[in-house]
Amino acid sequence: MRASAIYRSDLLRDKVVVITGGGSGIGQAIALECARLGARVAIGGRSPEKLAATRALVEADGGAVFTHAVDIRDTESIDAFAAAVTAGVGPVDVLVNNAGGQFMSHAIDIRPKGWKAVVDTNLNGTWFVTQAFGRQMIARRSGRVINIVANMWRGFPGMAHTGAARAAVVNLTQTLALEWAKHGILVNAVAPGIIESSGLDNYGPEMKAMVQAEMPKHVPLKRLGTVDDVAFAVVYLASPAGDFVTGETVCVDGGQKLWGMAFPP
């Protein structure tokens, strides 16, 4: 197995790490990094083809990953996913809520169906998955939850629906950190800025080109983030290095939240 560029190769040895949205982009990078560090990795997502692609990458890297399709908007699908992961890999140690989705639109133009779809995925889905695996963690009196959110601290023009949902997840992160501390469970979030990933392809070639050319101007470090930047932050929170960190949101954005906006009005 190829060693991580940052961490020692056995850092997450035998830990069961579950990642939603693990078929591409940031989720895929997290799966690769955790497998390199000795974790038993399980990924879920709606596309079996994308999950298989991640599995092939992990196996080519010398690791292994368990895959199972899941729709995080459907509690029955989540329960089936949790049961399959437990049977196939073991009780979860670290849950990474990475799955999500959104589309660009002026707030006034978002239709009720679109609003509900984004909130149902990014907020409700995060909670339903956390609740399903949280029951295991509470019973074992141990575990970590890491929620992938967004850089919405100064408003999120063009994505009001996901900004609202991700802000709610940050508050949920803080609430669960307090409620579940007595069970030995740490709950944190990671907020990526503008990341150079396959997710940019969802917005079309023109928008992708604009983001690549213009968005670095709104980042103090003058570059877009990488999927590995995010994966390394997740591993920090999943590892013993994060043993005394809970209720926090780690911003991986090159200082953007202090200065530039995600998508200027």
Protein backbone atom coordinates (compact mmCIF):
# COMPACT_ATOMS: atom_id res chain seq x y z
CA MET A 1 0.00 0.00 0.00
CA ARG A 2 1.41 3.38 -0.96
CA ALA A 3 2.29 5.46 2.08
CA SER A 4 0.49 8.73 2.72
CA ALA A 5 2.35 11.89 1.83
CA ILE A 6 1.67 13.26 5.33
CA TYR A 7 0.80 10.59 7.90
CA ARG A 8 2.40 7.36 9.04
CA SER A 9 1.05 4.29 7.26
CA ASP A 10 -0.59 2.63 10.30
CA LEU A 11 -2.27 5.72 11.75
CA LEU A 12 -5.82 4.37 11.27
CA ARG A 13 -4.98 0.68 11.41
CA ASP A 14 -8.10 -1.49 11.75
CA LYS A 15 -10.40 1.51 12.28
CA VAL A 16 -13.67 1.22 10.38
CA VAL A 17 -14.21 4.42 8.42
CA VAL A 18 -17.53 4.93 6.63
CA ILE A 19 -17.74 7.62 3.93
CA THR A 20 -20.90 8.69 2.14
CA GLY A 21 -20.52 10.11 -1.34
CA GLY A 22 -17.36 8.08 -1.70
CA GLY A 23 -17.64 7.53 -5.44
CA SER A 24 -15.92 10.68 -6.62
CA GLY A 25 -14.20 13.94 -5.73
CA ILE A 26 -13.55 14.67 -2.08
CA GLY A 27 -15.17 11.45 -0.86
CA GLN A 28 -12.98 9.39 -3.12
CA ALA A 29 -9.86 11.17 -1.90
CA ILE A 30 -10.84 10.56 1.73
CA ALA A 31 -11.41 6.87 1.00
CA LEU A 32 -8.00 6.54 -0.67
CA GLU A 33 -6.18 8.30 2.16
CA CYS A 34 -7.89 6.35 4.93
CA ALA A 35 -7.19 3.04 3.17
CA ARG A 36 -3.51 4.02 2.83
CA LEU A 37 -3.42 4.57 6.58
CA GLY A 38 -4.66 1.08 7.40
CA ALA A 39 -8.37 1.75 7.91
CA ARG A 40 -11.10 -0.67 6.90
CA VAL A 41 -13.03 1.59 4.57
CA ALA A 42 -16.68 1.43 3.54
CA ILE A 43 -18.19 3.84 1.05
CA GLY A 44 -21.76 4.51 -0.01
CA GLY A 45 -23.43 6.49 -2.75
CA ARG A 46 -26.27 6.37 -5.24
CA SER A 47 -24.15 5.27 -8.22
CA PRO A 48 -22.79 1.70 -8.10
CA GLU A 49 -20.58 2.58 -11.08
CA LYS A 50 -18.88 5.43 -9.22
CA LEU A 51 -18.43 3.27 -6.12
CA ALA A 52 -16.82 0.59 -8.28
CA ALA A 53 -14.46 3.18 -9.75
CA THR A 54 -13.29 4.18 -6.27
CA ARG A 55 -12.89 0.54 -5.29
CA ALA A 56 -10.69 -0.01 -8.35
CA LEU A 57 -8.50 2.96 -7.41
CA VAL A 58 -8.12 1.78 -3.82
CA GLU A 59 -7.31 -1.77 -4.90
CA ALA A 60 -4.77 -0.50 -7.44
CA ASP A 61 -3.19 1.40 -4.55
CA GLY A 62 -2.89 -1.83 -2.57
CA GLY A 63 -5.89 -1.39 -0.30
CA ALA A 64 -9.46 -2.64 -0.02
CA VAL A 65 -12.84 -0.97 0.31
CA PHE A 66 -16.38 -2.18 0.95
CA THR A 67 -19.04 -0.62 -1.28
CA HIS A 68 -22.82 -0.47 -0.94
CA ALA A 69 -25.36 1.72 -2.71
CA VAL A 70 -27.32 4.12 -0.49
CA ASP A 71 -29.71 7.03 -0.94
CA ILE A 72 -29.20 9.24 2.10
CA ARG A 73 -32.63 10.81 1.60
CA ASP A 74 -34.27 7.44 2.31
CA THR A 75 -34.12 6.12 5.89
CA GLU A 76 -34.82 2.54 4.80
CA SER A 77 -31.89 2.72 2.39
CA ILE A 78 -29.71 4.13 5.17
CA ASP A 79 -30.69 1.36 7.58
CA ALA A 80 -29.85 -1.25 4.93
CA PHE A 81 -26.51 0.48 4.30
CA ALA A 82 -25.65 0.56 8.01
CA ALA A 83 -26.54 -3.11 8.41
CA ALA A 84 -24.50 -4.11 5.35
CA VAL A 85 -21.46 -2.13 6.52
CA THR A 86 -21.59 -3.63 10.01
CA ALA A 87 -21.89 -7.16 8.61
CA GLY A 88 -19.24 -6.64 5.92
CA VAL A 89 -16.65 -4.53 7.69
CA GLY A 90 -17.58 -4.17 11.36
CA PRO A 91 -18.96 -1.54 13.76
CA VAL A 92 -18.13 1.99 12.65
CA ASP A 93 -15.38 3.99 14.34
CA VAL A 94 -15.45 7.07 12.09
CA LEU A 95 -18.36 8.35 10.01
CA VAL A 96 -17.63 10.93 7.31
CA ASN A 97 -20.81 12.59 6.04
CA ASN A 98 -19.56 13.73 2.65
CA ALA A 99 -22.57 13.09 0.38
CA GLY A 100 -24.41 16.17 -0.81
CA GLY A 101 -25.59 18.07 -3.81
CA GLN A 102 -26.74 21.46 -5.01
CA PHE A 103 -27.17 23.59 -8.10
CA MET A 104 -26.56 27.24 -8.86
CA SER A 105 -29.52 29.61 -8.93
CA HIS A 106 -30.58 33.05 -7.82
CA ALA A 107 -32.48 32.54 -4.57
CA ILE A 108 -35.69 34.03 -5.96
CA ASP A 109 -35.70 31.49 -8.79
CA ILE A 110 -35.34 28.33 -6.69
CA ARG A 111 -38.51 26.26 -7.02
CA PRO A 112 -39.94 24.49 -3.95
CA LYS A 113 -38.96 21.09 -5.36
CA GLY A 114 -35.35 22.18 -5.85
CA TRP A 115 -35.14 23.76 -2.40
CA LYS A 116 -36.53 20.65 -0.71
CA ALA A 117 -34.23 18.34 -2.69
CA VAL A 118 -31.08 20.19 -1.61
CA VAL A 119 -32.12 20.54 2.03
CA ASP A 120 -33.27 16.91 2.11
CA THR A 121 -29.85 15.77 0.88
CA ASN A 122 -27.47 18.13 2.64
CA LEU A 123 -29.23 18.50 5.99
CA ASN A 124 -31.76 15.71 6.49
CA GLY A 125 -29.58 13.07 4.84
CA THR A 126 -26.62 14.03 7.00
CA TRP A 127 -28.73 13.70 10.12
CA PHE A 128 -30.39 10.40 9.17
CA VAL A 129 -27.02 8.77 8.41
CA THR A 130 -25.53 10.18 11.62
CA GLN A 131 -28.46 8.90 13.66
CA ALA A 132 -28.21 5.40 12.16
CA PHE A 133 -24.49 5.02 12.87
CA GLY A 134 -24.67 7.13 16.02
CA ARG A 135 -26.74 4.45 17.70
CA GLN A 136 -23.82 2.04 17.22
CA MET A 137 -21.36 4.58 18.58
CA ILE A 138 -23.47 5.31 21.64
CA ALA A 139 -23.79 1.58 22.37
CA ARG A 140 -20.00 1.19 22.09
CA ARG A 141 -19.31 4.50 23.88
CA SER A 142 -16.85 5.51 21.21
CA GLY A 143 -16.80 7.09 17.78
CA ARG A 144 -16.22 10.11 15.59
CA VAL A 145 -18.50 11.95 13.20
CA ILE A 146 -17.01 14.32 10.62
CA ASN A 147 -19.43 16.40 8.54
CA ILE A 148 -18.29 17.93 5.26
CA VAL A 149 -20.00 21.31 4.95
CA ALA A 150 -19.20 24.46 2.91
CA ASN A 151 -17.72 27.92 3.08
CA MET A 152 -20.97 29.84 3.74
CA TRP A 153 -19.84 32.08 6.61
CA ARG A 154 -20.40 35.37 4.78
CA GLY A 155 -23.48 34.28 2.85
CA PHE A 156 -23.64 32.05 -0.19
CA PRO A 157 -25.12 34.02 -3.12
CA GLY A 158 -26.09 31.71 -5.94
CA MET A 159 -26.60 28.79 -3.56
CA ALA A 160 -28.99 29.94 -0.84
CA HIS A 161 -30.41 26.44 -0.44
CA THR A 162 -27.12 24.70 0.29
CA GLY A 163 -25.84 27.62 2.37
CA ALA A 164 -28.85 27.31 4.66
CA ALA A 165 -28.55 23.53 4.86
CA ARG A 166 -24.81 23.53 5.54
CA ALA A 167 -25.17 26.22 8.21
CA ALA A 168 -27.73 23.99 9.90
CA VAL A 169 -25.27 21.07 9.80
CA VAL A 170 -22.65 23.22 11.55
CA ASN A 171 -25.14 23.90 14.35
CA LEU A 172 -26.07 20.20 14.42
CA THR A 173 -22.36 19.41 14.73
CA GLN A 174 -22.08 21.64 17.80
CA THR A 175 -25.26 20.26 19.36
CA LEU A 176 -24.25 16.62 18.91
CA ALA A 177 -20.76 17.37 20.21
CA LEU A 178 -22.38 18.48 23.47
CA GLU A 179 -25.04 15.77 23.69
CA TRP A 180 -22.76 12.89 22.75
CA ALA A 181 -19.59 13.86 24.63
CA LYS A 182 -20.76 11.74 27.56
CA HIS A 183 -20.71 8.74 25.21
CA GLY A 184 -17.11 9.34 24.17
CA ILE A 185 -18.13 10.54 20.70
CA LEU A 186 -16.40 13.45 18.97
CA VAL A 187 -18.38 15.41 16.37
CA ASN A 188 -16.67 17.90 14.07
CA ALA A 189 -16.97 19.39 10.60
CA VAL A 190 -14.68 20.28 7.74
CA ALA A 191 -15.60 23.22 5.51
CA PRO A 192 -13.84 23.13 2.13
CA GLY A 193 -13.49 26.31 0.14
CA ILE A 194 -13.33 26.18 -3.65
CA ILE A 195 -11.79 22.80 -4.40
CA GLU A 196 -10.38 21.61 -7.72
CA SER A 197 -12.33 18.37 -7.99
CA SER A 198 -14.65 16.42 -10.25
CA GLY A 199 -17.54 18.25 -8.60
CA LEU A 200 -16.77 21.29 -10.76
CA ASP A 201 -17.82 19.26 -13.80
CA ASN A 202 -21.43 19.37 -12.57
CA TYR A 203 -21.67 23.06 -13.42
CA GLY A 204 -20.63 22.84 -17.08
CA PRO A 205 -17.42 23.78 -18.91
CA GLU A 206 -18.02 27.54 -18.89
CA MET A 207 -18.63 27.73 -15.15
CA LYS A 208 -15.70 25.40 -14.47
CA ALA A 209 -13.38 27.58 -16.54
CA MET A 210 -14.60 30.70 -14.75
CA VAL A 211 -14.04 29.12 -11.34
CA GLN A 212 -10.51 28.01 -12.27
CA ALA A 213 -9.60 31.43 -13.65
CA GLU A 214 -11.41 33.83 -11.32
CA MET A 215 -11.95 32.18 -7.94
CA PRO A 216 -8.25 32.12 -6.91
CA LYS A 217 -8.46 35.93 -6.90
CA HIS A 218 -10.87 35.66 -3.94
CA VAL A 219 -8.56 33.37 -1.93
CA PRO A 220 -5.71 34.91 0.10
CA LEU A 221 -3.44 31.98 -0.80
CA LYS A 222 -4.27 32.60 -4.49
CA ARG A 223 -5.07 29.04 -5.46
CA LEU A 224 -7.91 26.55 -5.41
CA GLY A 225 -7.83 23.78 -2.85
CA THR A 226 -7.19 20.13 -3.71
CA VAL A 227 -9.14 17.07 -2.66
CA ASP A 228 -6.07 15.96 -0.70
CA ASP A 229 -6.15 19.21 1.31
CA VAL A 230 -9.59 18.19 2.53
CA ALA A 231 -8.71 14.53 3.04
CA PHE A 232 -5.72 15.42 5.23
CA ALA A 233 -7.94 17.55 7.48
CA VAL A 234 -10.45 14.71 7.81
CA VAL A 235 -7.69 12.29 8.81
CA TYR A 236 -6.45 14.72 11.46
CA LEU A 237 -9.90 14.72 13.09
CA ALA A 238 -10.23 10.94 12.70
CA SER A 239 -6.82 10.23 14.23
CA PRO A 240 -5.49 10.39 17.81
CA ALA A 241 -4.25 13.90 16.98
CA GLY A 242 -7.88 15.03 17.24
CA ASP A 243 -8.63 13.36 20.57
CA PHE A 244 -9.42 16.65 22.33
CA VAL A 245 -11.27 18.39 19.50
CA THR A 246 -15.06 18.36 19.29
CA GLY A 247 -17.77 20.73 18.14
CA GLU A 248 -15.37 22.50 15.78
CA THR A 249 -15.42 23.30 12.08
CA VAL A 250 -12.05 23.20 10.34
CA CYS A 251 -12.03 25.54 7.34
CA VAL A 252 -9.90 24.29 4.46
CA ASP A 253 -10.26 27.35 2.27
CA GLY A 254 -6.95 29.19 2.02
CA GLY A 255 -8.30 31.99 4.22
CA GLN A 256 -11.26 32.67 1.93
CA LYS A 257 -13.83 33.00 4.70
CA LEU A 258 -11.90 35.96 6.08
CA TRP A 259 -11.83 37.85 2.83
CA GLY A 260 -13.34 36.62 -0.46
CA MET A 261 -16.74 35.15 -1.20
CA ALA A 262 -17.47 31.77 -2.71
CA PHE A 263 -19.45 33.22 -5.61
CA PRO A 264 -19.52 37.05 -5.57
CA PRO A 265 -22.97 38.51 -6.29
